[in-house]
Amino acid sequence: MRHRGDLIAQAGQQVQLMQKVLTEMNLHIQHVFSDVDGVSAQAIITAILEGQRDADKLAALRDRRCRSPLAQIKAALVGDYREEYLFVLRQCQTRWQQLLASLTECDAELARLTAAITGVTDAPLPVAGFAQRRVQKNMPAVLPVYEQAHRLLGVDLSAVPGVSGGVLCVLMSELGTAKHIREKFRSAEAFASWLGLCPDNRVSGGRILKAGTRKVANRIATILRLAANSLGRAQGRMGEFVRRFKERLGKAEGIVAGAHKLARIIYGPWW
């Protein structure tokens, strides 16, 4: 999973480079399509690299679900097709496609290795909470994340606000099964301390010399902070909790408090 994260980061860099070259060519594809790596944008880029220059024919390659007006798409495809720009664009697209192929191989290997792990339950995934089980863009394509997380962890953590498929991928890869979590952490406090999400106040003579959390490089703590940040605009009690602590302590401290709360909720079902 860590290697897969590196591949996703490299693929994202190539997408950014493609967007940069397109901007230098005065092709504003990113303004009419939601993603440069989407179906419509990639079909148009491939046609450009094959020699097509007619804006009408390029615009006709857009996906039928595209919402941008046709006239706006045509205007965005009138650019400067210089040879050096096309060379860089071709190399960026080729490298991006190679990384996608590597991701596909990595996903297949992840599915094979995950299926070989002994889970803690064979019960089917509950229907409740289905609305939160969204298939995100960077989730493994052939790995049923929510089903495998339920099998390995024994509970449906996707029902917890803020716990997405990406969070579950990190939890499974970094912590293992519920059995491993029980063996490694004696309590929710120990789990939060390992994540570096609990207060670490330095006190001397009854005075607090330093207040804050420890500097810990932990992938789970990072993903929980991101989840807590997303809860800042969510409805429900978790969203209210994060907003209340942001107002009381500050934005960064409120996010840490939300991540701490999520860590306790995640640890809770096994005790």
Foldseek 3Di string as FASTA:
>chain_A
DVVLVVLVVLLVVLQVQLCVLLVVFQQVPVVQDVGCPDQLNVQLLVVVLVPDQQLLVSLVSGDPPRDGDSVVSSVNSHGHPDPVSSVSNVVSVVVSVVSVVVLLVVLVVVQVVLVPDQFDDPDFDDPPLVVQADDDDSARDPHPQQRSLCRFAVHRLSSPQLCYSVLSVLCCVPQNGNVSVVVPAVALVRQCLLLQLDWDFDDDPNDTPDIDTDDDDDPNLVSLLVSLVVLCPPDDDLVVQLVVCCVVPNNSNSSSVSSSVSSNVSNPVSD
